[in-house]
N, C-alpha and C. Protein backbone atom coordinates (compact mmCIF):
# COMPACT_ATOMS: atom_id res chain seq x y z
N UNK A 1 19.16 17.78 57.92
CA UNK A 1 20.76 18.09 58.21
C UNK A 1 20.97 17.83 59.61
N UNK A 2 19.88 18.14 60.61
CA UNK A 2 19.97 17.94 61.97
C UNK A 2 20.23 16.29 62.16
N UNK A 3 19.49 15.60 61.52
CA UNK A 3 19.59 14.06 61.51
C UNK A 3 20.84 13.48 61.33
N UNK A 4 21.40 14.13 60.16
CA UNK A 4 22.67 13.74 59.64
C UNK A 4 23.63 14.09 60.37
N UNK A 5 23.59 15.22 61.17
CA UNK A 5 24.62 15.57 62.19
C UNK A 5 24.68 14.74 63.39
N UNK A 6 23.54 14.22 63.85
CA UNK A 6 23.30 13.26 64.78
C UNK A 6 23.68 12.14 64.40
N UNK A 7 23.68 11.52 63.13
CA UNK A 7 24.17 10.17 62.62
C UNK A 7 25.57 10.10 62.72
N UNK A 8 26.43 11.43 62.26
CA UNK A 8 27.73 11.23 62.17
C UNK A 8 28.25 11.50 63.70
N UNK A 9 27.64 12.24 64.50
CA UNK A 9 28.17 12.24 65.78
C UNK A 9 28.19 10.74 66.63
N UNK A 10 27.14 10.28 66.38
CA UNK A 10 26.85 8.80 67.08
C UNK A 10 27.84 7.82 66.40
N UNK A 11 28.15 7.80 65.17
CA UNK A 11 28.90 6.85 64.86
C UNK A 11 30.48 7.28 65.15
N UNK A 12 30.92 8.45 65.25
CA UNK A 12 32.04 8.59 65.75
C UNK A 12 32.43 8.52 67.47
N UNK A 13 31.20 8.63 67.96
CA UNK A 13 31.20 8.19 69.53
C UNK A 13 31.28 6.72 69.69
N UNK A 14 30.59 5.82 68.99
CA UNK A 14 30.73 4.43 69.06
C UNK A 14 31.90 3.99 68.56
N UNK A 15 32.52 4.50 67.66
CA UNK A 15 33.77 4.06 67.14
C UNK A 15 35.13 4.51 68.06
N UNK A 16 34.99 5.55 68.82
CA UNK A 16 35.88 5.91 69.45
C UNK A 16 35.86 5.08 71.11
N UNK A 17 34.57 4.98 71.66
CA UNK A 17 34.48 4.21 72.69
C UNK A 17 34.30 2.73 72.86
N UNK A 18 33.96 2.37 71.67
CA UNK A 18 33.57 0.80 71.53
C UNK A 18 34.34 0.12 70.56
N UNK A 19 34.85 1.03 69.50
CA UNK A 19 35.43 0.23 68.49
C UNK A 19 34.56 -0.53 67.41
N UNK A 20 33.29 -0.03 67.57
CA UNK A 20 32.48 -0.38 66.40
C UNK A 20 31.70 0.83 65.78
N UNK A 21 30.97 0.51 64.80
CA UNK A 21 30.11 1.72 63.98
C UNK A 21 28.78 1.30 64.20
N UNK A 22 28.12 2.33 64.66
CA UNK A 22 26.79 2.50 64.89
C UNK A 22 25.96 2.27 63.66
N UNK A 23 26.40 2.95 62.72
CA UNK A 23 25.64 3.16 61.54
C UNK A 23 25.95 2.21 60.41
N UNK A 24 27.37 2.20 60.01
CA UNK A 24 27.88 1.26 58.98
C UNK A 24 28.08 -0.10 59.18
N UNK A 25 27.02 -0.75 59.14
CA UNK A 25 27.04 -2.35 59.35
C UNK A 25 27.89 -3.05 58.26
N UNK A 26 28.11 -2.42 56.97
CA UNK A 26 29.06 -2.90 56.22
C UNK A 26 30.36 -2.95 56.73
N UNK A 27 30.77 -1.88 57.42
CA UNK A 27 32.21 -1.91 57.94
C UNK A 27 32.34 -3.02 59.14
N UNK A 28 31.32 -2.98 60.05
CA UNK A 28 31.25 -3.96 60.99
C UNK A 28 31.32 -5.36 60.52
N UNK A 29 30.68 -5.88 59.32
CA UNK A 29 30.57 -6.99 58.83
C UNK A 29 32.04 -7.42 58.31
N UNK A 30 32.63 -6.39 57.34
CA UNK A 30 34.02 -6.47 57.16
C UNK A 30 34.95 -6.96 58.16
N UNK A 31 34.95 -6.13 59.33
CA UNK A 31 35.70 -6.28 60.53
C UNK A 31 35.53 -7.57 61.26
N UNK A 32 34.35 -8.19 61.05
CA UNK A 32 33.85 -9.55 61.56
C UNK A 32 34.75 -10.48 60.87
N UNK A 33 34.54 -10.41 59.57
CA UNK A 33 35.14 -11.53 58.76
C UNK A 33 36.54 -11.50 58.61
N UNK A 34 37.01 -10.23 58.74
CA UNK A 34 38.59 -10.08 58.54
C UNK A 34 39.29 -10.77 59.89
N UNK A 35 38.59 -10.50 60.95
CA UNK A 35 39.24 -11.01 62.35
C UNK A 35 38.99 -12.55 62.34
N UNK A 36 37.67 -12.69 61.92
CA UNK A 36 37.42 -14.42 62.04
C UNK A 36 38.36 -15.04 61.09
N UNK A 37 38.74 -14.58 59.98
CA UNK A 37 39.74 -15.49 59.10
C UNK A 37 41.06 -15.38 59.66
N UNK A 38 41.36 -14.46 60.29
CA UNK A 38 42.54 -14.41 61.16
C UNK A 38 42.80 -15.19 62.45
N UNK A 39 41.44 -15.76 62.74
CA UNK A 39 41.38 -16.55 64.09
C UNK A 39 41.27 -15.84 65.21
N UNK A 40 40.88 -14.48 64.95
CA UNK A 40 40.96 -13.60 66.24
C UNK A 40 39.32 -13.64 66.64
N UNK A 41 38.89 -14.48 67.15
CA UNK A 41 37.44 -14.84 67.31
C UNK A 41 36.71 -14.07 68.32
N UNK A 42 37.58 -13.85 69.39
CA UNK A 42 37.08 -12.69 70.41
C UNK A 42 36.74 -11.39 69.84
N UNK A 43 37.81 -10.82 68.92
CA UNK A 43 37.63 -9.60 68.25
C UNK A 43 36.50 -9.52 67.23
N UNK A 44 36.44 -10.88 66.55
CA UNK A 44 35.48 -11.00 65.57
C UNK A 44 34.01 -10.81 66.16
N UNK A 45 33.93 -11.53 67.20
CA UNK A 45 32.33 -11.63 67.84
C UNK A 45 32.22 -10.12 68.36
N UNK A 46 33.09 -9.33 68.48
CA UNK A 46 32.71 -8.03 69.01
C UNK A 46 31.74 -7.24 68.21
N UNK A 47 31.79 -7.59 66.74
CA UNK A 47 31.06 -6.84 66.00
C UNK A 47 29.77 -7.44 65.69
N UNK A 48 29.49 -8.65 66.18
CA UNK A 48 27.97 -9.30 66.07
C UNK A 48 26.95 -8.56 66.68
N UNK A 49 27.12 -8.08 68.02
CA UNK A 49 26.00 -7.28 68.62
C UNK A 49 25.58 -6.01 67.87
N UNK A 50 26.36 -5.16 67.48
CA UNK A 50 25.84 -4.24 66.67
C UNK A 50 24.94 -4.35 65.39
N UNK A 51 25.35 -5.51 64.72
CA UNK A 51 24.82 -5.83 63.39
C UNK A 51 23.41 -6.33 63.89
N UNK A 52 23.33 -7.17 64.78
CA UNK A 52 22.10 -7.62 65.17
C UNK A 52 20.99 -6.79 65.82
N UNK A 53 21.77 -5.81 66.42
CA UNK A 53 20.95 -4.70 67.28
C UNK A 53 20.44 -3.63 65.98
N UNK A 54 21.24 -3.58 64.89
CA UNK A 54 20.84 -2.63 63.85
C UNK A 54 19.56 -3.35 63.17
N UNK A 55 19.74 -4.79 62.96
CA UNK A 55 18.49 -5.51 62.40
C UNK A 55 17.10 -5.10 63.14
N UNK A 56 17.63 -5.58 64.74
CA UNK A 56 16.27 -5.25 65.43
C UNK A 56 15.56 -3.86 65.27
N UNK A 57 16.44 -2.82 65.15
CA UNK A 57 16.07 -1.50 65.12
C UNK A 57 15.28 -1.44 63.87
N UNK A 58 15.65 -1.81 62.54
CA UNK A 58 15.06 -2.07 61.48
C UNK A 58 13.49 -2.48 61.48
N UNK A 59 13.58 -3.58 62.23
CA UNK A 59 12.20 -4.25 62.47
C UNK A 59 11.40 -3.10 63.26
N UNK A 60 12.01 -2.51 64.30
CA UNK A 60 11.19 -1.74 65.21
C UNK A 60 10.64 -0.43 64.37
N UNK A 61 11.32 0.05 63.44
CA UNK A 61 10.98 1.01 62.57
C UNK A 61 9.85 0.53 61.68
N UNK A 62 10.06 -0.39 61.10
CA UNK A 62 8.98 -1.07 60.23
C UNK A 62 7.53 -1.04 61.04
N UNK A 63 7.56 -1.50 62.26
CA UNK A 63 6.55 -1.85 63.01
C UNK A 63 6.04 -0.37 63.48
N UNK A 64 6.86 0.63 63.65
CA UNK A 64 6.32 1.80 64.02
C UNK A 64 5.54 2.55 62.69
N UNK A 65 6.23 2.30 61.53
CA UNK A 65 5.52 2.75 60.33
C UNK A 65 4.04 2.22 60.07
N UNK A 66 3.92 1.02 60.63
CA UNK A 66 2.78 0.41 60.29
C UNK A 66 1.63 0.57 61.38
N UNK A 67 2.29 0.79 62.65
CA UNK A 67 1.22 1.10 63.80
C UNK A 67 1.06 2.46 63.99
N UNK A 68 1.80 3.33 63.67
CA UNK A 68 1.79 4.86 64.01
C UNK A 68 1.27 5.69 62.88
N UNK A 69 1.61 5.13 61.75
CA UNK A 69 1.46 5.95 60.51
C UNK A 69 1.99 7.22 60.43
N UNK A 70 1.48 8.31 60.17
CA UNK A 70 2.02 9.76 60.07
C UNK A 70 2.81 10.12 61.42
N UNK A 71 2.56 9.62 62.69
CA UNK A 71 3.19 9.85 63.78
C UNK A 71 4.31 9.16 64.06
N UNK A 72 4.59 8.17 63.03
CA UNK A 72 5.87 7.35 63.33
C UNK A 72 7.26 8.31 63.39
N UNK A 73 7.39 9.38 62.51
CA UNK A 73 8.39 10.06 62.46
C UNK A 73 8.77 10.64 63.91
N UNK A 74 7.66 11.29 64.47
CA UNK A 74 7.97 12.13 65.84
C UNK A 74 8.22 10.85 66.80
N UNK A 75 7.46 9.73 66.84
CA UNK A 75 7.53 8.83 67.57
C UNK A 75 8.93 8.39 67.79
N UNK A 76 9.59 8.05 66.35
CA UNK A 76 10.98 7.38 66.43
C UNK A 76 11.87 8.34 67.02
N UNK A 77 11.73 9.58 66.71
CA UNK A 77 12.89 10.70 67.18
C UNK A 77 12.69 10.65 68.81
N UNK A 78 11.41 10.55 69.40
CA UNK A 78 11.40 10.51 70.76
C UNK A 78 11.77 9.20 71.31
N UNK A 79 11.82 8.13 70.69
CA UNK A 79 12.42 6.91 71.10
C UNK A 79 13.89 7.08 71.03
N UNK A 80 14.41 7.57 70.05
CA UNK A 80 15.86 7.83 69.83
C UNK A 80 16.33 8.65 70.98
N UNK A 81 15.59 9.76 71.50
CA UNK A 81 16.18 10.60 72.54
C UNK A 81 16.13 9.75 73.76
N UNK A 82 15.12 9.04 73.93
CA UNK A 82 15.06 8.27 75.44
C UNK A 82 16.15 7.37 75.25
N UNK A 83 16.37 6.69 74.30
CA UNK A 83 17.55 5.68 74.21
C UNK A 83 19.11 6.25 74.52
N UNK A 84 19.20 7.29 73.77
CA UNK A 84 20.54 8.13 73.87
C UNK A 84 20.50 8.53 75.43
N UNK A 85 19.57 9.12 75.99
CA UNK A 85 19.69 9.30 77.49
C UNK A 85 19.98 8.28 78.20
N UNK A 86 19.23 7.06 78.13
CA UNK A 86 19.44 5.82 78.71
C UNK A 86 20.88 5.42 78.41
N UNK A 87 21.48 5.55 77.24
CA UNK A 87 22.74 5.01 76.97
C UNK A 87 23.76 5.88 77.77
N UNK A 88 23.62 7.12 77.72
CA UNK A 88 24.53 8.08 78.64
C UNK A 88 24.50 7.62 80.06
N UNK A 89 23.24 7.55 80.59
CA UNK A 89 23.26 7.00 82.08
C UNK A 89 23.71 5.77 82.32
N UNK A 90 23.63 4.76 81.46
CA UNK A 90 24.22 3.45 81.72
C UNK A 90 25.70 3.18 81.21
N UNK A 91 26.10 4.11 80.67
CA UNK A 91 27.51 3.96 80.20
C UNK A 91 28.46 3.61 80.99
N UNK A 92 28.51 4.30 82.20
CA UNK A 92 29.38 4.09 83.23
C UNK A 92 29.30 2.59 83.94
N UNK A 93 28.19 1.91 83.79
CA UNK A 93 27.90 0.74 84.45
C UNK A 93 27.94 -0.51 83.37
N UNK A 94 27.17 -0.11 82.52
CA UNK A 94 26.99 -1.01 81.36
C UNK A 94 27.47 -0.82 80.15
N UNK A 95 28.81 -0.28 79.90
CA UNK A 95 29.50 0.23 78.90
C UNK A 95 29.16 -0.44 77.42
N UNK A 96 29.73 -1.65 77.38
CA UNK A 96 29.56 -2.36 76.25
C UNK A 96 28.12 -2.72 75.88
N UNK A 97 27.39 -2.86 76.63
CA UNK A 97 25.84 -3.35 76.27
C UNK A 97 25.10 -1.88 75.85
N UNK A 98 25.37 -0.87 76.67
CA UNK A 98 24.76 0.39 76.26
C UNK A 98 25.25 0.93 74.82
N UNK A 99 26.80 0.75 74.71
CA UNK A 99 27.37 1.31 73.49
C UNK A 99 27.00 0.49 72.11
N UNK A 100 27.26 -0.87 72.29
CA UNK A 100 27.28 -1.65 71.13
C UNK A 100 25.78 -1.92 70.66
N UNK A 101 24.98 -2.10 71.75
CA UNK A 101 23.46 -2.55 71.16
C UNK A 101 22.83 -1.29 71.12
N UNK A 102 22.80 -0.43 72.26
CA UNK A 102 21.81 0.75 72.06
C UNK A 102 22.07 1.80 70.86
N UNK A 103 23.45 2.16 70.58
CA UNK A 103 23.63 3.09 69.55
C UNK A 103 23.26 2.62 68.13
N UNK A 104 23.58 1.32 67.83
CA UNK A 104 22.94 0.60 66.58
C UNK A 104 21.22 0.60 66.54
N UNK A 105 20.86 0.43 67.72
CA UNK A 105 19.57 0.67 67.49
C UNK A 105 19.01 1.79 67.28
N UNK A 106 19.61 2.89 67.93
CA UNK A 106 19.13 4.24 67.53
C UNK A 106 19.37 4.57 66.07
N UNK A 107 20.43 4.10 65.55
CA UNK A 107 20.91 4.46 64.15
C UNK A 107 20.03 3.70 63.13
N UNK A 108 19.59 2.63 63.40
CA UNK A 108 18.66 1.74 62.76
C UNK A 108 17.26 2.46 62.58
N UNK A 109 16.83 2.78 63.82
CA UNK A 109 15.52 3.49 63.84
C UNK A 109 15.44 4.61 62.82
N UNK A 110 16.59 5.33 63.06
CA UNK A 110 16.60 6.62 62.28
C UNK A 110 16.48 6.29 60.91
N UNK A 111 17.40 5.24 60.43
CA UNK A 111 17.66 4.93 59.16
C UNK A 111 16.25 4.23 58.43
N UNK A 112 15.65 3.61 59.33
CA UNK A 112 14.61 2.93 58.91
C UNK A 112 13.28 3.99 58.72
N UNK A 113 13.28 5.16 59.45
CA UNK A 113 12.12 5.90 59.25
C UNK A 113 12.30 7.03 58.32
N UNK A 114 13.60 7.85 58.61
CA UNK A 114 13.70 8.92 57.80
C UNK A 114 14.44 8.41 56.34
N UNK A 115 13.71 8.12 55.33
CA UNK A 115 14.42 7.72 54.17
C UNK A 115 14.22 8.53 52.94
N UNK A 116 13.54 9.64 53.13
CA UNK A 116 13.53 10.66 52.05
C UNK A 116 13.71 12.10 52.45
N UNK A 117 14.08 12.78 51.38
CA UNK A 117 13.86 14.28 51.57
C UNK A 117 13.21 15.02 50.37
N UNK A 118 12.32 15.59 50.55
CA UNK A 118 11.52 16.12 49.37
C UNK A 118 11.25 15.19 48.47
N UNK A 119 10.73 13.92 48.68
CA UNK A 119 10.50 12.82 47.78
C UNK A 119 11.68 11.98 47.38
N UNK A 120 12.80 12.34 47.74
CA UNK A 120 14.05 11.57 46.96
C UNK A 120 14.71 10.79 48.02
N UNK A 121 15.06 9.44 47.62
CA UNK A 121 15.55 8.79 48.90
C UNK A 121 16.94 9.26 49.19
N UNK A 122 17.06 9.17 50.42
CA UNK A 122 18.29 9.84 51.12
C UNK A 122 18.71 9.10 52.28
N UNK A 123 19.79 9.18 53.04
CA UNK A 123 20.23 8.55 54.10
C UNK A 123 20.89 9.59 55.24
N UNK A 124 20.39 9.45 56.45
CA UNK A 124 20.77 10.44 57.27
C UNK A 124 21.93 9.63 58.36
N UNK A 125 22.25 8.59 57.91
CA UNK A 125 23.21 7.81 59.04
C UNK A 125 24.35 7.29 58.24
N UNK A 126 24.46 7.63 56.94
CA UNK A 126 25.81 7.36 56.19
C UNK A 126 25.79 8.28 54.89
N UNK A 127 26.84 8.45 54.40
CA UNK A 127 26.93 9.32 53.17
C UNK A 127 27.10 8.77 51.67
N UNK A 128 27.44 7.26 51.80
CA UNK A 128 27.44 6.77 50.65
C UNK A 128 26.52 6.97 49.64
N UNK A 129 25.23 6.66 49.90
CA UNK A 129 24.27 6.80 48.55
C UNK A 129 24.20 8.40 48.51
N UNK A 130 24.15 9.22 49.55
CA UNK A 130 24.00 10.69 49.20
C UNK A 130 25.05 11.25 48.45
N UNK A 131 26.35 10.90 48.69
CA UNK A 131 27.37 11.06 47.59
C UNK A 131 27.29 10.56 46.38
N UNK A 132 26.93 9.46 46.20
CA UNK A 132 26.70 9.01 44.78
C UNK A 132 25.62 9.86 44.08
N UNK A 133 24.51 10.09 44.72
CA UNK A 133 23.43 10.81 43.95
C UNK A 133 23.99 12.34 43.58
N UNK A 134 24.79 12.82 44.72
CA UNK A 134 25.22 14.16 44.43
C UNK A 134 26.06 14.14 43.12
N UNK A 135 27.08 13.18 43.30
CA UNK A 135 28.09 13.11 41.93
C UNK A 135 27.16 12.81 40.55
N UNK A 136 26.17 12.07 40.64
CA UNK A 136 25.45 11.79 39.54
C UNK A 136 24.80 12.90 39.14
N UNK A 137 24.38 13.75 40.09
CA UNK A 137 23.50 14.91 39.48
C UNK A 137 24.49 16.03 38.99
N UNK A 138 25.68 16.17 39.47
CA UNK A 138 26.63 16.97 39.11
C UNK A 138 27.09 16.48 37.79
N UNK A 139 27.29 15.33 37.33
CA UNK A 139 27.53 14.89 36.07
C UNK A 139 26.40 15.28 35.15
N UNK A 140 25.28 14.91 35.57
CA UNK A 140 23.99 15.47 34.61
C UNK A 140 23.98 16.81 34.26
N UNK A 141 24.14 17.75 35.30
CA UNK A 141 24.31 18.94 35.05
C UNK A 141 25.17 19.43 34.00
N UNK A 142 26.39 18.89 33.97
CA UNK A 142 27.51 19.34 33.38
C UNK A 142 27.39 18.67 31.95
N UNK A 143 26.75 17.52 31.68
CA UNK A 143 26.46 16.88 30.47
C UNK A 143 25.51 17.48 29.99
N UNK A 144 24.41 18.17 30.44
CA UNK A 144 23.32 18.75 29.83
C UNK A 144 21.92 17.91 30.13
N UNK A 145 20.78 18.63 29.53
CA UNK A 145 19.68 17.88 29.77
C UNK A 145 19.28 17.61 31.30
N UNK A 146 19.58 18.68 32.12
CA UNK A 146 19.29 18.56 33.44
C UNK A 146 17.70 18.67 33.85
N UNK A 147 17.06 17.56 34.42
CA UNK A 147 15.78 17.77 34.80
C UNK A 147 15.55 18.58 35.79
N UNK A 148 14.33 19.18 35.96
CA UNK A 148 13.96 20.22 36.76
C UNK A 148 14.12 19.67 38.47
N UNK A 149 14.66 20.55 39.15
CA UNK A 149 14.93 20.36 40.57
C UNK A 149 16.28 19.72 40.69
N UNK A 150 17.10 19.47 39.62
CA UNK A 150 18.41 18.79 39.92
C UNK A 150 19.24 19.42 40.84
N UNK A 151 19.35 20.60 40.37
CA UNK A 151 20.40 21.54 41.33
C UNK A 151 20.10 21.62 42.76
N UNK A 152 18.74 21.78 42.98
CA UNK A 152 18.39 21.81 44.37
C UNK A 152 18.82 20.56 44.98
N UNK A 153 18.26 19.28 44.38
CA UNK A 153 18.64 17.92 44.89
C UNK A 153 20.24 18.00 45.40
N UNK A 154 20.81 18.23 44.16
CA UNK A 154 22.32 18.14 44.55
C UNK A 154 22.86 18.88 45.55
N UNK A 155 22.39 20.17 45.96
CA UNK A 155 22.64 20.80 47.04
C UNK A 155 22.08 20.19 48.53
N UNK A 156 21.00 19.51 48.47
CA UNK A 156 20.56 18.91 49.46
C UNK A 156 21.61 17.60 49.86
N UNK A 157 21.86 16.83 48.95
CA UNK A 157 22.72 15.91 49.06
C UNK A 157 24.12 16.26 49.52
N UNK A 158 24.57 17.52 49.03
CA UNK A 158 26.01 17.79 49.60
C UNK A 158 25.89 18.22 50.88
N UNK A 159 25.01 19.00 51.27
CA UNK A 159 24.54 19.39 52.70
C UNK A 159 24.54 18.40 53.82
N UNK A 160 23.74 17.32 53.15
CA UNK A 160 23.61 16.09 54.11
C UNK A 160 24.92 15.33 54.36
N UNK A 161 25.98 15.28 53.30
CA UNK A 161 27.32 14.78 53.53
C UNK A 161 27.99 15.66 54.40
N UNK A 162 27.96 17.10 54.27
CA UNK A 162 28.73 18.02 55.08
C UNK A 162 28.24 17.94 56.44
N UNK A 163 26.89 17.64 56.62
CA UNK A 163 26.26 17.84 58.03
C UNK A 163 26.85 16.47 58.68
N UNK A 164 26.87 15.39 58.28
CA UNK A 164 27.34 14.27 58.75
C UNK A 164 28.71 14.10 59.06
N UNK A 165 29.57 14.70 58.23
CA UNK A 165 30.85 14.81 58.33
C UNK A 165 31.34 16.00 59.54
N UNK A 166 30.40 17.01 59.64
CA UNK A 166 30.41 17.86 60.77
C UNK A 166 30.09 17.35 62.10
N UNK A 167 29.27 16.46 62.04
CA UNK A 167 28.76 15.82 63.15
C UNK A 167 29.68 14.79 63.74
N UNK A 168 30.23 14.07 62.78
CA UNK A 168 31.52 13.05 63.24
C UNK A 168 32.77 13.77 63.80
N UNK A 169 32.91 15.12 63.04
CA UNK A 169 33.88 15.86 63.92
C UNK A 169 33.73 16.33 65.07
N UNK A 170 32.74 16.77 65.44
CA UNK A 170 32.27 17.26 66.79
C UNK A 170 31.95 16.08 67.75
N UNK A 171 31.56 14.83 67.32
CA UNK A 171 31.48 13.76 67.87
C UNK A 171 32.76 13.30 68.58
N UNK A 172 33.83 13.32 67.44
CA UNK A 172 35.19 12.94 67.99
C UNK A 172 35.89 13.83 68.94
N UNK A 173 35.62 15.13 68.68
CA UNK A 173 36.17 16.05 69.38
C UNK A 173 35.45 15.94 71.11
N UNK A 174 34.33 16.01 71.09
CA UNK A 174 33.56 16.01 72.38
C UNK A 174 33.48 14.88 73.16
N UNK A 175 33.80 13.60 72.47
CA UNK A 175 33.80 12.40 73.02
C UNK A 175 34.99 12.12 73.81
N UNK A 176 36.27 12.73 73.18
CA UNK A 176 37.55 12.60 73.78
C UNK A 176 37.52 13.63 75.12
N UNK A 177 36.74 14.76 74.92
CA UNK A 177 36.98 15.70 75.96
C UNK A 177 35.97 15.48 77.35
N UNK A 178 34.56 15.15 76.81
CA UNK A 178 33.76 15.09 77.96
C UNK A 178 32.76 13.82 77.61
N UNK A 179 33.68 12.56 77.69
CA UNK A 179 32.81 11.48 77.03
C UNK A 179 31.38 11.01 77.92
N UNK A 180 31.44 11.36 79.25
CA UNK A 180 30.11 11.29 79.83
C UNK A 180 28.97 12.02 79.52
N UNK A 181 29.33 13.26 79.09
CA UNK A 181 28.22 14.12 78.65
C UNK A 181 28.05 14.30 77.19
N UNK A 182 28.84 13.76 76.28
CA UNK A 182 28.87 14.30 74.83
C UNK A 182 27.55 13.93 74.12
N UNK A 183 26.84 12.91 74.62
CA UNK A 183 25.55 12.48 74.10
C UNK A 183 24.44 13.47 74.28
N UNK A 184 24.80 14.38 74.99
CA UNK A 184 23.73 15.31 75.18
C UNK A 184 23.75 16.25 73.95
N UNK A 185 24.82 16.41 72.85
CA UNK A 185 24.75 17.13 71.94
C UNK A 185 23.67 16.65 70.81
N UNK A 186 23.91 15.33 70.49
CA UNK A 186 22.90 14.87 69.67
C UNK A 186 21.35 14.69 70.01
N UNK A 187 21.16 14.60 71.50
CA UNK A 187 19.96 14.69 72.05
C UNK A 187 19.23 15.99 71.85
N UNK A 188 20.02 17.20 71.90
CA UNK A 188 19.71 18.58 71.60
C UNK A 188 19.26 18.44 69.98
N UNK A 189 20.14 17.98 69.19
CA UNK A 189 19.73 18.08 67.97
C UNK A 189 18.36 17.42 67.53
N UNK A 190 18.13 16.27 68.10
CA UNK A 190 17.08 15.28 67.85
C UNK A 190 15.97 16.01 68.73
N UNK A 191 15.99 16.82 69.62
CA UNK A 191 14.98 17.48 70.30
C UNK A 191 14.45 18.56 69.27
N UNK A 192 15.24 19.30 68.56
CA UNK A 192 14.78 20.27 67.62
C UNK A 192 14.11 19.58 66.47
N UNK A 193 14.65 18.43 66.18
CA UNK A 193 13.91 17.57 65.05
C UNK A 193 12.51 17.32 65.46
N UNK A 194 12.28 16.83 66.75
CA UNK A 194 11.15 16.63 67.24
C UNK A 194 10.01 17.67 67.10
N UNK A 195 10.70 18.86 67.38
CA UNK A 195 9.67 20.04 67.15
C UNK A 195 9.42 20.31 65.81
N UNK A 196 10.29 20.02 65.04
CA UNK A 196 10.07 20.14 63.44
C UNK A 196 9.14 19.23 63.26
N UNK A 197 9.13 17.99 63.53
CA UNK A 197 8.16 16.93 63.03
C UNK A 197 6.64 17.34 63.57
N UNK A 198 6.57 18.24 64.50
CA UNK A 198 5.19 18.76 64.85
C UNK A 198 4.74 19.79 63.84
N UNK A 199 5.47 20.55 63.29
CA UNK A 199 5.28 21.66 62.37
C UNK A 199 5.30 21.46 60.80
N UNK A 200 6.31 20.50 60.45
CA UNK A 200 6.41 20.39 59.06
C UNK A 200 5.60 19.01 58.42
N UNK A 201 5.05 19.43 57.29
CA UNK A 201 4.29 18.23 56.48
C UNK A 201 5.04 16.94 56.64
N UNK A 202 4.35 15.89 57.13
CA UNK A 202 5.03 14.66 57.09
C UNK A 202 5.66 14.15 55.86
N UNK A 203 5.12 14.40 54.88
CA UNK A 203 5.81 14.02 53.52
C UNK A 203 6.98 14.67 53.36
N UNK A 204 7.34 15.66 53.77
CA UNK A 204 8.63 16.37 53.67
C UNK A 204 9.68 15.62 54.59
N UNK A 205 9.54 15.31 55.78
CA UNK A 205 10.44 14.63 56.56
C UNK A 205 10.68 13.26 56.90
N UNK A 206 9.51 12.48 56.14
CA UNK A 206 9.86 11.11 56.10
C UNK A 206 11.01 10.52 55.34
C-alpha cells in the first residue's frame, strides 16, 4: 500500500508540474499520437522522453533482479529514494529533464521489481489491473464457487486502488501548495518500505 501511495503521488506530481504521466505510458502514448495527428509536433514530442525513460527503467529493474537476486527489492527502493531526492534538488535548475525523465525512471523500477503481493500479480504504479482483478473476484464470490483466499485477495486489490488514489490526492494537494518540498512525502513512504524489505520475507514483497 505504501508503494501504491507513492505511485499515485508521483503520477499526480508529474502531471501537475510537467503535463506527462510518470506511470501510465498508455496515456502518454495516446497524447503523443493525438497531438502528432493534429500536427502539434512540439506537444507530441513532449511525451516521448517519459516513454523512453520508462523503458530504460524496466531494463534497469530486469538487470537488478538478475544481478542482486533477493536483494533487488531493497536496492530498487534505495535507488528510487536517491532518484527522488535528486529530482527534488534538480527541479529548479533542470525542471523538464528531472521531471519527465527521472520520475518515469522511478516508476518503471518500481513496476519492474514489485510485481506480486502474496504470490498474486499486481501493480503499485497503476490501478487498471488491480481494479480488474478486484471486480472479477467480487463477481466470483457473488456467482458462487469461490476459491480459497479470494476474499482476502479482493480486499488487497481494493486497498491498493484506494492507496493509489489517496496518494494521487495527497500529491495533487501538496504539489500545488509546496511544489519544491512535496517529493519528501513519497520519499518518506519509500523509506518505510525499505525498512520493511529488510524484515519481511522477500517472496511476500516482490
